[in-house]
Amino acid sequence: MINWILDNKEWVFSGFGVTVVAGILVTAVRLVRKDLTEGGAGKTSISITNHNIMSNEGKVAGTTTVHDIDILKAKTHILFIDDDQKFKVVDILVKSGWVHTRRMSDVGSIDDEKIQKAQILFIDIQGVGRKLQFRDEGLGLASAVKDKFPNKKVVIYSAQTQGERFHDALRKADDFLPKNADPYEFQQLTERLASELSIEP
């Protein structure tokens, strides 16, 4: 093809040749578009737009869209285990659309139905885990939950600024937040962890 273009460059780059080549290209593009719209229903088409790779849903590969977040909010089950029933972050998450957000003051069994159903667990370090007699309270509970359910996301949070820094639970947990972190930080972390779960949007 390249040899033919080189041999016929005077004709190809003349006004007539450019018109013919442009017409061929336009026809080819139309045929591809027609094939994608008629025969390609349900298939993912790839196009380059502003240097971002886009799918046929208009979503940049590897990103989470607002639509995806809304779906995750509707499907993700979140559990806060905290003896402070006035902790406002729980209510803020529910109002933000995370409709399956629950709280409990403590658990009597690792196999509790709420723990089994939850995909993301926020566990306070103080005041919980007592019913199961964990010496390290919430840290012991978080460690046990992560051992039994390694696919669940476990976040430890605490009002204490001092304390056990080398506990096994801190290495097992998916993240850690201070209890007085802005509610927005809890929301951002929830979005990130939910998008890491294998929840089909």
N, C-alpha and C. Protein backbone atom coordinates (compact mmCIF):
# COMPACT_ATOMS: atom_id res chain seq x y z
N MET A 1 0.83 -1.20 0.00
CA MET A 1 0.00 0.00 0.00
C MET A 1 0.87 1.26 0.00
N ILE A 2 1.92 1.24 0.87
CA ILE A 2 2.79 2.40 0.96
C ILE A 2 3.53 2.61 -0.36
N ASN A 3 4.00 1.51 -0.97
CA ASN A 3 4.69 1.61 -2.27
C ASN A 3 3.78 2.21 -3.33
N TRP A 4 2.50 1.80 -3.35
CA TRP A 4 1.55 2.33 -4.33
C TRP A 4 1.37 3.83 -4.12
N ILE A 5 1.27 4.26 -2.82
CA ILE A 5 1.12 5.70 -2.53
C ILE A 5 2.35 6.46 -3.01
N LEU A 6 3.56 5.90 -2.74
CA LEU A 6 4.79 6.57 -3.16
C LEU A 6 4.88 6.66 -4.69
N ASP A 7 4.50 5.55 -5.37
CA ASP A 7 4.54 5.55 -6.83
C ASP A 7 3.53 6.52 -7.44
N ASN A 8 2.42 6.76 -6.74
CA ASN A 8 1.34 7.61 -7.26
C ASN A 8 1.16 8.88 -6.44
N LYS A 9 2.22 9.34 -5.79
CA LYS A 9 2.09 10.47 -4.87
C LYS A 9 1.59 11.74 -5.55
N GLU A 10 1.97 11.95 -6.82
CA GLU A 10 1.51 13.15 -7.50
C GLU A 10 -0.01 13.14 -7.66
N TRP A 11 -0.56 11.97 -7.99
CA TRP A 11 -2.01 11.87 -8.16
C TRP A 11 -2.72 11.92 -6.80
N VAL A 12 -2.15 11.14 -5.79
CA VAL A 12 -2.79 11.04 -4.46
C VAL A 12 -2.89 12.41 -3.82
N PHE A 13 -1.84 13.24 -3.96
CA PHE A 13 -1.82 14.53 -3.28
C PHE A 13 -2.34 15.67 -4.15
N SER A 14 -2.86 15.33 -5.31
CA SER A 14 -3.51 16.35 -6.14
C SER A 14 -4.89 16.60 -5.54
N GLY A 15 -5.55 17.65 -5.98
CA GLY A 15 -6.88 17.98 -5.47
C GLY A 15 -7.87 16.84 -5.66
N PHE A 16 -7.83 16.19 -6.82
CA PHE A 16 -8.74 15.09 -7.11
C PHE A 16 -8.43 13.89 -6.22
N GLY A 17 -7.15 13.57 -6.07
CA GLY A 17 -6.74 12.41 -5.27
C GLY A 17 -7.14 12.56 -3.80
N VAL A 18 -6.93 13.76 -3.25
CA VAL A 18 -7.31 14.02 -1.86
C VAL A 18 -8.81 13.84 -1.68
N THR A 19 -9.60 14.31 -2.64
CA THR A 19 -11.05 14.17 -2.57
C THR A 19 -11.45 12.69 -2.57
N VAL A 20 -10.84 11.91 -3.43
CA VAL A 20 -11.16 10.47 -3.52
C VAL A 20 -10.79 9.76 -2.22
N VAL A 21 -9.58 10.00 -1.71
CA VAL A 21 -9.12 9.35 -0.47
C VAL A 21 -10.02 9.75 0.70
N ALA A 22 -10.37 11.04 0.79
CA ALA A 22 -11.25 11.50 1.87
C ALA A 22 -12.61 10.82 1.77
N GLY A 23 -13.13 10.69 0.55
CA GLY A 23 -14.42 10.01 0.36
C GLY A 23 -14.37 8.56 0.82
N ILE A 24 -13.27 7.87 0.51
CA ILE A 24 -13.12 6.47 0.94
C ILE A 24 -13.09 6.39 2.46
N LEU A 25 -12.34 7.29 3.10
CA LEU A 25 -12.25 7.29 4.56
C LEU A 25 -13.60 7.59 5.22
N VAL A 26 -14.33 8.56 4.71
CA VAL A 26 -15.64 8.91 5.25
C VAL A 26 -16.59 7.71 5.14
N THR A 27 -16.58 7.05 3.99
CA THR A 27 -17.43 5.87 3.80
C THR A 27 -17.06 4.77 4.78
N ALA A 28 -15.77 4.54 4.98
CA ALA A 28 -15.32 3.50 5.92
C ALA A 28 -15.78 3.82 7.33
N VAL A 29 -15.66 5.08 7.75
CA VAL A 29 -16.09 5.48 9.10
C VAL A 29 -17.59 5.27 9.26
N ARG A 30 -18.37 5.64 8.24
CA ARG A 30 -19.82 5.46 8.30
C ARG A 30 -20.18 3.99 8.43
N LEU A 31 -19.50 3.12 7.69
CA LEU A 31 -19.77 1.68 7.77
C LEU A 31 -19.46 1.14 9.16
N VAL A 32 -18.36 1.58 9.75
CA VAL A 32 -18.00 1.13 11.10
C VAL A 32 -19.04 1.61 12.11
N ARG A 33 -19.44 2.88 12.00
CA ARG A 33 -20.46 3.41 12.91
C ARG A 33 -21.78 2.65 12.77
N LYS A 34 -22.17 2.37 11.54
CA LYS A 34 -23.42 1.64 11.29
C LYS A 34 -23.34 0.26 11.91
N ASP A 35 -22.19 -0.41 11.76
CA ASP A 35 -22.01 -1.74 12.33
C ASP A 35 -22.11 -1.70 13.85
N LEU A 36 -21.52 -0.67 14.46
CA LEU A 36 -21.55 -0.57 15.92
C LEU A 36 -22.94 -0.28 16.44
N THR A 37 -23.69 0.56 15.73
CA THR A 37 -25.02 0.92 16.23
C THR A 37 -26.06 -0.16 15.95
N GLU A 38 -25.92 -0.88 14.82
CA GLU A 38 -26.90 -1.90 14.49
C GLU A 38 -26.53 -3.27 15.02
N GLY A 39 -25.32 -3.70 14.71
CA GLY A 39 -24.94 -5.06 15.08
C GLY A 39 -24.18 -5.14 16.38
N GLY A 40 -23.78 -4.02 16.93
CA GLY A 40 -22.93 -4.05 18.11
C GLY A 40 -23.67 -3.81 19.40
N ALA A 41 -24.98 -3.96 19.42
CA ALA A 41 -25.74 -3.73 20.65
C ALA A 41 -25.28 -4.70 21.71
N GLY A 42 -25.00 -4.16 22.92
CA GLY A 42 -24.56 -4.99 24.02
C GLY A 42 -23.07 -5.22 24.05
N LYS A 43 -22.35 -4.79 22.99
CA LYS A 43 -20.91 -4.95 22.96
C LYS A 43 -20.27 -3.66 23.43
N THR A 44 -19.07 -3.76 23.96
CA THR A 44 -18.36 -2.57 24.38
C THR A 44 -17.55 -2.06 23.21
N SER A 45 -17.81 -0.82 22.79
CA SER A 45 -17.03 -0.22 21.73
C SER A 45 -16.01 0.70 22.36
N ILE A 46 -14.85 0.76 21.76
CA ILE A 46 -13.79 1.59 22.31
C ILE A 46 -13.55 2.75 21.37
N SER A 47 -13.47 3.95 21.92
CA SER A 47 -13.13 5.12 21.12
C SER A 47 -12.22 6.00 21.93
N ILE A 48 -11.42 6.79 21.25
CA ILE A 48 -10.52 7.70 21.95
C ILE A 48 -11.17 9.08 21.93
N THR A 49 -11.40 9.64 23.10
CA THR A 49 -12.01 10.96 23.21
C THR A 49 -11.19 11.77 24.20
N ASN A 50 -10.64 12.88 23.77
CA ASN A 50 -9.80 13.72 24.62
C ASN A 50 -8.71 12.93 25.31
N HIS A 51 -8.15 11.97 24.60
CA HIS A 51 -7.04 11.15 25.09
C HIS A 51 -7.44 10.22 26.22
N ASN A 52 -8.71 10.07 26.54
CA ASN A 52 -9.17 9.11 27.55
C ASN A 52 -9.82 7.95 26.83
N ILE A 53 -9.56 6.73 27.27
CA ILE A 53 -10.20 5.58 26.66
C ILE A 53 -11.60 5.49 27.25
N MET A 54 -12.62 5.48 26.37
CA MET A 54 -14.00 5.49 26.83
C MET A 54 -14.67 4.19 26.42
N SER A 55 -15.56 3.69 27.26
CA SER A 55 -16.37 2.54 26.88
C SER A 55 -17.64 3.06 26.24
N ASN A 56 -18.50 2.13 25.78
CA ASN A 56 -19.74 2.58 25.14
C ASN A 56 -20.70 3.19 26.14
N GLU A 57 -20.40 3.10 27.43
CA GLU A 57 -21.25 3.76 28.43
C GLU A 57 -20.74 5.15 28.75
N GLY A 58 -19.67 5.59 28.09
CA GLY A 58 -19.14 6.92 28.33
C GLY A 58 -18.33 7.00 29.61
N LYS A 59 -17.81 5.89 30.09
CA LYS A 59 -17.09 5.87 31.35
C LYS A 59 -15.61 5.67 31.09
N VAL A 60 -14.77 6.48 31.69
CA VAL A 60 -13.33 6.32 31.54
C VAL A 60 -12.94 5.02 32.23
N ALA A 61 -12.19 4.18 31.52
CA ALA A 61 -11.79 2.89 32.07
C ALA A 61 -11.03 3.09 33.37
N GLY A 62 -11.41 2.31 34.41
CA GLY A 62 -10.73 2.36 35.69
C GLY A 62 -11.25 3.42 36.64
N THR A 63 -12.32 4.14 36.28
CA THR A 63 -12.87 5.14 37.19
C THR A 63 -14.26 4.72 37.63
N THR A 64 -14.72 5.35 38.70
CA THR A 64 -16.06 5.08 39.20
C THR A 64 -16.91 6.31 38.93
N THR A 65 -18.00 6.13 38.22
CA THR A 65 -18.86 7.26 37.88
C THR A 65 -19.86 7.52 39.00
N VAL A 66 -20.53 8.66 38.91
CA VAL A 66 -21.57 9.00 39.89
C VAL A 66 -22.66 7.94 39.87
N HIS A 67 -22.99 7.45 38.67
CA HIS A 67 -24.01 6.40 38.54
C HIS A 67 -23.58 5.14 39.29
N ASP A 68 -22.30 4.75 39.15
CA ASP A 68 -21.79 3.58 39.85
C ASP A 68 -21.87 3.76 41.36
N ILE A 69 -21.51 4.95 41.85
CA ILE A 69 -21.56 5.22 43.29
C ILE A 69 -22.99 5.09 43.79
N ASP A 70 -23.95 5.60 43.02
CA ASP A 70 -25.36 5.48 43.43
C ASP A 70 -25.77 4.01 43.55
N ILE A 71 -25.29 3.19 42.62
CA ILE A 71 -25.61 1.76 42.67
C ILE A 71 -24.94 1.12 43.88
N LEU A 72 -23.67 1.47 44.13
CA LEU A 72 -22.97 0.93 45.29
C LEU A 72 -23.67 1.34 46.59
N LYS A 73 -24.15 2.58 46.64
CA LYS A 73 -24.87 3.04 47.83
C LYS A 73 -26.11 2.19 48.08
N ALA A 74 -26.76 1.78 47.01
CA ALA A 74 -28.00 1.00 47.15
C ALA A 74 -27.73 -0.46 47.49
N LYS A 75 -26.51 -0.95 47.20
CA LYS A 75 -26.23 -2.38 47.37
C LYS A 75 -25.30 -2.72 48.53
N THR A 76 -24.50 -1.77 48.99
CA THR A 76 -23.48 -2.06 49.99
C THR A 76 -24.08 -2.08 51.40
N HIS A 77 -23.76 -3.11 52.15
CA HIS A 77 -24.23 -3.24 53.54
C HIS A 77 -23.08 -2.86 54.47
N ILE A 78 -23.36 -1.87 55.31
CA ILE A 78 -22.35 -1.30 56.21
C ILE A 78 -22.83 -1.47 57.65
N LEU A 79 -21.90 -1.84 58.53
CA LEU A 79 -22.24 -2.01 59.94
C LEU A 79 -21.23 -1.26 60.79
N PHE A 80 -21.75 -0.41 61.69
CA PHE A 80 -20.93 0.25 62.70
C PHE A 80 -21.14 -0.49 64.02
N ILE A 81 -20.06 -0.91 64.64
CA ILE A 81 -20.14 -1.52 65.96
C ILE A 81 -19.52 -0.52 66.92
N ASP A 82 -20.39 0.13 67.71
CA ASP A 82 -19.97 1.24 68.55
C ASP A 82 -20.97 1.37 69.70
N ASP A 83 -20.45 1.44 70.92
CA ASP A 83 -21.36 1.58 72.07
C ASP A 83 -21.91 2.99 72.20
N ASP A 84 -21.36 3.93 71.44
CA ASP A 84 -21.85 5.30 71.42
C ASP A 84 -22.97 5.40 70.38
N GLN A 85 -24.20 5.28 70.83
CA GLN A 85 -25.34 5.28 69.91
C GLN A 85 -25.66 6.66 69.34
N LYS A 86 -24.93 7.67 69.80
CA LYS A 86 -25.15 9.03 69.29
C LYS A 86 -24.11 9.42 68.25
N PHE A 87 -23.28 8.48 67.84
CA PHE A 87 -22.24 8.77 66.84
C PHE A 87 -22.92 9.16 65.53
N LYS A 88 -22.77 10.41 65.13
CA LYS A 88 -23.54 11.01 64.04
C LYS A 88 -23.18 10.52 62.65
N VAL A 89 -21.99 9.96 62.47
CA VAL A 89 -21.55 9.55 61.13
C VAL A 89 -22.50 8.52 60.54
N VAL A 90 -23.05 7.65 61.38
CA VAL A 90 -23.98 6.63 60.89
C VAL A 90 -25.18 7.30 60.21
N ASP A 91 -25.78 8.27 60.88
CA ASP A 91 -26.94 8.97 60.32
C ASP A 91 -26.56 9.75 59.07
N ILE A 92 -25.37 10.33 59.07
CA ILE A 92 -24.93 11.11 57.91
C ILE A 92 -24.76 10.21 56.69
N LEU A 93 -24.20 9.01 56.89
CA LEU A 93 -24.06 8.08 55.76
C LEU A 93 -25.42 7.66 55.22
N VAL A 94 -26.36 7.39 56.11
CA VAL A 94 -27.71 7.00 55.66
C VAL A 94 -28.33 8.14 54.85
N LYS A 95 -28.20 9.37 55.34
CA LYS A 95 -28.77 10.52 54.62
C LYS A 95 -28.05 10.77 53.29
N SER A 96 -26.81 10.30 53.20
CA SER A 96 -26.04 10.46 51.95
C SER A 96 -26.36 9.38 50.93
N GLY A 97 -27.26 8.46 51.30
CA GLY A 97 -27.69 7.45 50.34
C GLY A 97 -27.22 6.03 50.61
N TRP A 98 -26.37 5.84 51.62
CA TRP A 98 -25.92 4.49 51.99
C TRP A 98 -27.02 3.86 52.84
N VAL A 99 -28.06 3.39 52.17
CA VAL A 99 -29.32 3.02 52.83
C VAL A 99 -29.23 1.77 53.68
N HIS A 100 -28.21 0.94 53.45
CA HIS A 100 -28.07 -0.29 54.23
C HIS A 100 -27.00 -0.13 55.31
N THR A 101 -26.97 1.04 55.94
CA THR A 101 -26.03 1.30 57.03
C THR A 101 -26.74 1.04 58.35
N ARG A 102 -26.14 0.17 59.17
CA ARG A 102 -26.73 -0.20 60.46
C ARG A 102 -25.71 0.04 61.57
N ARG A 103 -26.21 0.01 62.79
CA ARG A 103 -25.33 0.13 63.95
C ARG A 103 -25.75 -0.87 65.01
N MET A 104 -24.79 -1.30 65.79
CA MET A 104 -25.08 -2.10 66.98
C MET A 104 -24.06 -1.75 68.04
N SER A 105 -24.47 -1.85 69.30
CA SER A 105 -23.60 -1.40 70.40
C SER A 105 -22.53 -2.44 70.73
N ASP A 106 -22.77 -3.70 70.45
CA ASP A 106 -21.79 -4.77 70.66
C ASP A 106 -22.36 -6.03 70.02
N VAL A 107 -21.56 -7.06 69.94
CA VAL A 107 -22.02 -8.32 69.35
C VAL A 107 -21.82 -9.46 70.33
N GLY A 108 -22.78 -10.38 70.33
CA GLY A 108 -22.68 -11.56 71.19
C GLY A 108 -22.09 -12.75 70.48
N SER A 109 -21.91 -12.63 69.13
CA SER A 109 -21.35 -13.73 68.35
C SER A 109 -20.73 -13.19 67.07
N ILE A 110 -19.60 -13.75 66.70
CA ILE A 110 -18.97 -13.38 65.43
C ILE A 110 -19.87 -13.78 64.27
N ASP A 111 -20.70 -14.79 64.49
CA ASP A 111 -21.61 -15.26 63.43
C ASP A 111 -22.94 -14.52 63.42
N ASP A 112 -23.02 -13.40 64.13
CA ASP A 112 -24.23 -12.59 64.15
C ASP A 112 -24.67 -12.29 62.72
N GLU A 113 -25.96 -12.34 62.48
CA GLU A 113 -26.50 -12.11 61.13
C GLU A 113 -26.08 -10.77 60.55
N LYS A 114 -26.02 -9.73 61.39
CA LYS A 114 -25.64 -8.40 60.90
C LYS A 114 -24.18 -8.38 60.45
N ILE A 115 -23.33 -9.10 61.16
CA ILE A 115 -21.92 -9.17 60.75
C ILE A 115 -21.81 -9.94 59.44
N GLN A 116 -22.53 -11.05 59.34
CA GLN A 116 -22.46 -11.85 58.12
C GLN A 116 -22.95 -11.07 56.90
N LYS A 117 -23.97 -10.24 57.09
CA LYS A 117 -24.55 -9.50 55.97
C LYS A 117 -23.69 -8.29 55.57
N ALA A 118 -23.00 -7.71 56.54
CA ALA A 118 -22.21 -6.50 56.28
C ALA A 118 -21.03 -6.80 55.37
N GLN A 119 -20.77 -5.86 54.46
CA GLN A 119 -19.59 -5.96 53.59
C GLN A 119 -18.48 -5.03 54.07
N ILE A 120 -18.87 -3.95 54.73
CA ILE A 120 -17.91 -3.02 55.33
C ILE A 120 -18.29 -2.87 56.80
N LEU A 121 -17.32 -3.07 57.69
CA LEU A 121 -17.56 -2.94 59.12
C LEU A 121 -16.65 -1.85 59.69
N PHE A 122 -17.25 -0.90 60.39
CA PHE A 122 -16.51 0.11 61.14
C PHE A 122 -16.58 -0.30 62.60
N ILE A 123 -15.44 -0.54 63.22
CA ILE A 123 -15.42 -1.05 64.59
C ILE A 123 -14.66 -0.07 65.48
N ASP A 124 -15.35 0.41 66.53
CA ASP A 124 -14.73 1.30 67.51
C ASP A 124 -13.80 0.47 68.39
N ILE A 125 -12.70 1.06 68.81
CA ILE A 125 -11.74 0.33 69.63
C ILE A 125 -12.24 0.18 71.07
N GLN A 126 -12.90 1.21 71.60
CA GLN A 126 -13.32 1.18 73.00
C GLN A 126 -14.80 0.80 73.15
N GLY A 127 -15.07 0.00 74.17
CA GLY A 127 -16.45 -0.27 74.57
C GLY A 127 -17.16 -1.37 73.81
N VAL A 128 -16.53 -1.97 72.82
CA VAL A 128 -17.16 -3.08 72.10
C VAL A 128 -16.25 -4.31 72.19
N GLY A 129 -16.81 -5.48 71.89
CA GLY A 129 -16.05 -6.72 72.03
C GLY A 129 -16.11 -7.27 73.45
N ARG A 130 -16.81 -6.55 74.33
CA ARG A 130 -16.90 -6.97 75.74
C ARG A 130 -17.77 -8.20 75.91
N LYS A 131 -18.84 -8.29 75.13
CA LYS A 131 -19.73 -9.45 75.25
C LYS A 131 -19.01 -10.74 74.91
N LEU A 132 -18.05 -10.65 73.99
CA LEU A 132 -17.27 -11.82 73.61
C LEU A 132 -15.98 -11.92 74.43
N GLN A 133 -15.85 -11.02 75.40
CA GLN A 133 -14.74 -11.00 76.35
C GLN A 133 -13.36 -10.89 75.69
N PHE A 134 -13.29 -10.08 74.65
CA PHE A 134 -11.99 -9.80 74.05
C PHE A 134 -11.22 -8.90 75.00
N ARG A 135 -10.02 -9.31 75.35
CA ARG A 135 -9.19 -8.53 76.27
C ARG A 135 -8.91 -7.14 75.69
N ASP A 136 -8.73 -7.09 74.37
CA ASP A 136 -8.43 -5.82 73.72
C ASP A 136 -9.67 -5.17 73.11
N GLU A 137 -10.84 -5.55 73.60
CA GLU A 137 -12.12 -4.97 73.19
C GLU A 137 -12.26 -4.90 71.67
N GLY A 138 -12.41 -3.69 71.12
CA GLY A 138 -12.67 -3.54 69.69
C GLY A 138 -11.55 -4.04 68.80
N LEU A 139 -10.31 -3.93 69.27
CA LEU A 139 -9.19 -4.44 68.48
C LEU A 139 -9.28 -5.96 68.35
N GLY A 140 -9.61 -6.62 69.45
CA GLY A 140 -9.77 -8.08 69.41
C GLY A 140 -10.93 -8.49 68.51
N LEU A 141 -12.03 -7.73 68.60
CA LEU A 141 -13.20 -8.01 67.77
C LEU A 141 -12.87 -7.82 66.28
N ALA A 142 -12.20 -6.72 65.96
CA ALA A 142 -11.83 -6.44 64.57
C ALA A 142 -10.92 -7.53 64.01
N SER A 143 -9.97 -7.96 64.82
CA SER A 143 -9.05 -9.01 64.40
C SER A 143 -9.80 -10.32 64.14
N ALA A 144 -10.73 -10.67 65.04
CA ALA A 144 -11.50 -11.91 64.89
C ALA A 144 -12.40 -11.85 63.65
N VAL A 145 -13.03 -10.70 63.41
CA VAL A 145 -13.90 -10.55 62.23
C VAL A 145 -13.08 -10.71 60.96
N LYS A 146 -11.92 -10.08 60.91
CA LYS A 146 -11.09 -10.15 59.70
C LYS A 146 -10.56 -11.57 59.49
N ASP A 147 -10.25 -12.28 60.59
CA ASP A 147 -9.80 -13.67 60.47
C ASP A 147 -10.90 -14.56 59.89
N LYS A 148 -12.12 -14.38 60.41
CA LYS A 148 -13.23 -15.25 59.99
C LYS A 148 -13.76 -14.85 58.62
N PHE A 149 -13.77 -13.56 58.33
CA PHE A 149 -14.33 -13.07 57.06
C PHE A 149 -13.30 -12.19 56.34
N PRO A 150 -12.26 -12.80 55.77
CA PRO A 150 -11.18 -12.00 55.16
C PRO A 150 -11.61 -11.12 53.99
N ASN A 151 -12.74 -11.44 53.35
CA ASN A 151 -13.19 -10.64 52.20
C ASN A 151 -13.97 -9.40 52.62
N LYS A 152 -14.34 -9.30 53.88
CA LYS A 152 -15.04 -8.10 54.35
C LYS A 152 -14.02 -6.99 54.58
N LYS A 153 -14.46 -5.76 54.39
CA LYS A 153 -13.61 -4.61 54.67
C LYS A 153 -13.82 -4.19 56.12
N VAL A 154 -12.75 -4.10 56.88
CA VAL A 154 -12.83 -3.74 58.29
C VAL A 154 -12.05 -2.44 58.52
N VAL A 155 -12.73 -1.47 59.12
CA VAL A 155 -12.11 -0.19 59.46
C VAL A 155 -12.17 -0.04 60.97
N ILE A 156 -11.04 0.26 61.56
CA ILE A 156 -10.97 0.52 63.00
C ILE A 156 -10.98 2.03 63.19
N TYR A 157 -11.74 2.49 64.19
CA TYR A 157 -11.70 3.91 64.50
C TYR A 157 -11.70 4.09 66.01
N SER A 158 -11.18 5.23 66.45
CA SER A 158 -11.03 5.44 67.88
C SER A 158 -11.00 6.91 68.22
N ALA A 159 -11.52 7.23 69.41
CA ALA A 159 -11.43 8.59 69.93
C ALA A 159 -10.08 8.80 70.61
N GLN A 160 -9.39 7.72 70.95
CA GLN A 160 -8.10 7.83 71.62
C GLN A 160 -7.00 8.19 70.63
N THR A 161 -6.14 9.09 71.05
CA THR A 161 -4.99 9.44 70.21
C THR A 161 -3.77 8.63 70.62
N GLN A 162 -3.79 8.06 71.82
CA GLN A 162 -2.71 7.22 72.30
C GLN A 162 -3.23 5.79 72.40
N GLY A 163 -2.34 4.84 72.40
CA GLY A 163 -2.79 3.47 72.57
C GLY A 163 -1.90 2.49 71.86
N GLU A 164 -2.39 1.28 71.72
CA GLU A 164 -1.66 0.17 71.11
C GLU A 164 -1.41 0.45 69.63
N ARG A 165 -0.15 0.60 69.28
CA ARG A 165 0.20 0.91 67.90
C ARG A 165 0.66 -0.32 67.12
N PHE A 166 0.90 -1.42 67.81
CA PHE A 166 1.45 -2.59 67.14
C PHE A 166 0.52 -3.79 67.25
N HIS A 167 -0.72 -3.56 67.59
CA HIS A 167 -1.67 -4.66 67.73
C HIS A 167 -1.89 -5.31 66.37
N ASP A 168 -2.08 -6.62 66.39
CA ASP A 168 -2.28 -7.40 65.17
C ASP A 168 -3.46 -6.88 64.35
N ALA A 169 -4.51 -6.41 65.02
CA ALA A 169 -5.70 -5.92 64.32
C ALA A 169 -5.38 -4.73 63.42
N LEU A 170 -4.42 -3.90 63.83
CA LEU A 170 -4.07 -2.74 63.02
C LEU A 170 -3.43 -3.14 61.70
N ARG A 171 -2.74 -4.29 61.69
CA ARG A 171 -2.14 -4.78 60.45
C ARG A 171 -3.18 -5.48 59.58
N LYS A 172 -4.19 -6.09 60.22
CA LYS A 172 -5.20 -6.82 59.46
C LYS A 172 -6.27 -5.90 58.88
N ALA A 173 -6.57 -4.82 59.57
CA ALA A 173 -7.65 -3.93 59.15
C ALA A 173 -7.35 -3.30 57.80
N ASP A 174 -8.42 -2.96 57.09
CA ASP A 174 -8.27 -2.34 55.77
C ASP A 174 -7.96 -0.86 55.88
N ASP A 175 -8.34 -0.24 57.00
CA ASP A 175 -8.03 1.17 57.20
C ASP A 175 -8.28 1.55 58.66
N PHE A 176 -7.89 2.77 59.00
CA PHE A 176 -8.05 3.29 60.36
C PHE A 176 -8.40 4.77 60.26
N LEU A 177 -9.33 5.21 61.11
CA LEU A 177 -9.69 6.63 61.16
C LEU A 177 -9.82 7.07 62.62
N PRO A 178 -9.45 8.32 62.90
CA PRO A 178 -9.80 8.85 64.23
C PRO A 178 -11.30 9.08 64.29
N LYS A 179 -11.87 8.88 65.46
CA LYS A 179 -13.32 9.00 65.58
C LYS A 179 -13.79 10.42 65.30
N ASN A 180 -12.92 11.40 65.55
CA ASN A 180 -13.31 12.80 65.33
C ASN A 180 -12.98 13.28 63.91
N ALA A 181 -12.68 12.34 63.00
CA ALA A 181 -12.46 12.72 61.60
C ALA A 181 -13.75 13.32 61.04
N ASP A 182 -13.61 14.18 60.05
CA ASP A 182 -14.80 14.77 59.42
C ASP A 182 -15.66 13.67 58.84
N PRO A 183 -16.99 13.78 58.95
CA PRO A 183 -17.86 12.78 58.33
C PRO A 183 -17.55 12.56 56.86
N TYR A 184 -17.09 13.61 56.17
CA TYR A 184 -16.72 13.48 54.76
C TYR A 184 -15.61 12.45 54.57
N GLU A 185 -14.69 12.36 55.53
CA GLU A 185 -13.61 11.36 55.43
C GLU A 185 -14.17 9.95 55.53
N PHE A 186 -15.17 9.76 56.40
CA PHE A 186 -15.83 8.46 56.49
C PHE A 186 -16.54 8.14 55.17
N GLN A 187 -17.18 9.15 54.58
CA GLN A 187 -17.88 8.94 53.30
C GLN A 187 -16.90 8.58 52.18
N GLN A 188 -15.79 9.30 52.10
CA GLN A 188 -14.79 9.01 51.07
C GLN A 188 -14.24 7.60 51.22
N LEU A 189 -13.93 7.23 52.46
CA LEU A 189 -13.40 5.90 52.72
C LEU A 189 -14.42 4.83 52.36
N THR A 190 -15.68 5.08 52.69
CA THR A 190 -16.75 4.13 52.36
C THR A 190 -16.86 3.95 50.85
N GLU A 191 -16.81 5.04 50.10
CA GLU A 191 -16.86 4.96 48.63
C GLU A 191 -15.70 4.13 48.09
N ARG A 192 -14.50 4.39 48.61
CA ARG A 192 -13.33 3.67 48.12
C ARG A 192 -13.43 2.17 48.42
N LEU A 193 -13.80 1.84 49.66
CA LEU A 193 -13.88 0.43 50.04
C LEU A 193 -15.00 -0.28 49.28
N ALA A 194 -16.13 0.39 49.10
CA ALA A 194 -17.25 -0.22 48.36
C ALA A 194 -16.85 -0.48 46.92
N SER A 195 -16.09 0.43 46.33
CA SER A 195 -15.68 0.23 44.93
C SER A 195 -14.65 -0.89 44.80
N GLU A 196 -13.96 -1.23 45.90
CA GLU A 196 -12.99 -2.33 45.88
C GLU A 196 -13.67 -3.69 46.05
N LEU A 197 -14.88 -3.69 46.61
CA LEU A 197 -15.60 -4.94 46.80
C LEU A 197 -16.09 -5.47 45.46
N SER A 198 -16.33 -6.74 45.37
CA SER A 198 -16.82 -7.32 44.11
C SER A 198 -18.34 -7.25 44.06
N ILE A 199 -18.86 -6.01 44.11
CA ILE A 199 -20.29 -5.76 44.00
C ILE A 199 -20.56 -5.35 42.56
N GLU A 200 -21.45 -6.06 41.91
CA GLU A 200 -21.75 -5.71 40.51
C GLU A 200 -22.58 -4.45 40.47
N PRO A 201 -22.07 -3.35 39.84
CA PRO A 201 -22.88 -2.12 39.72
C PRO A 201 -24.01 -2.30 38.74
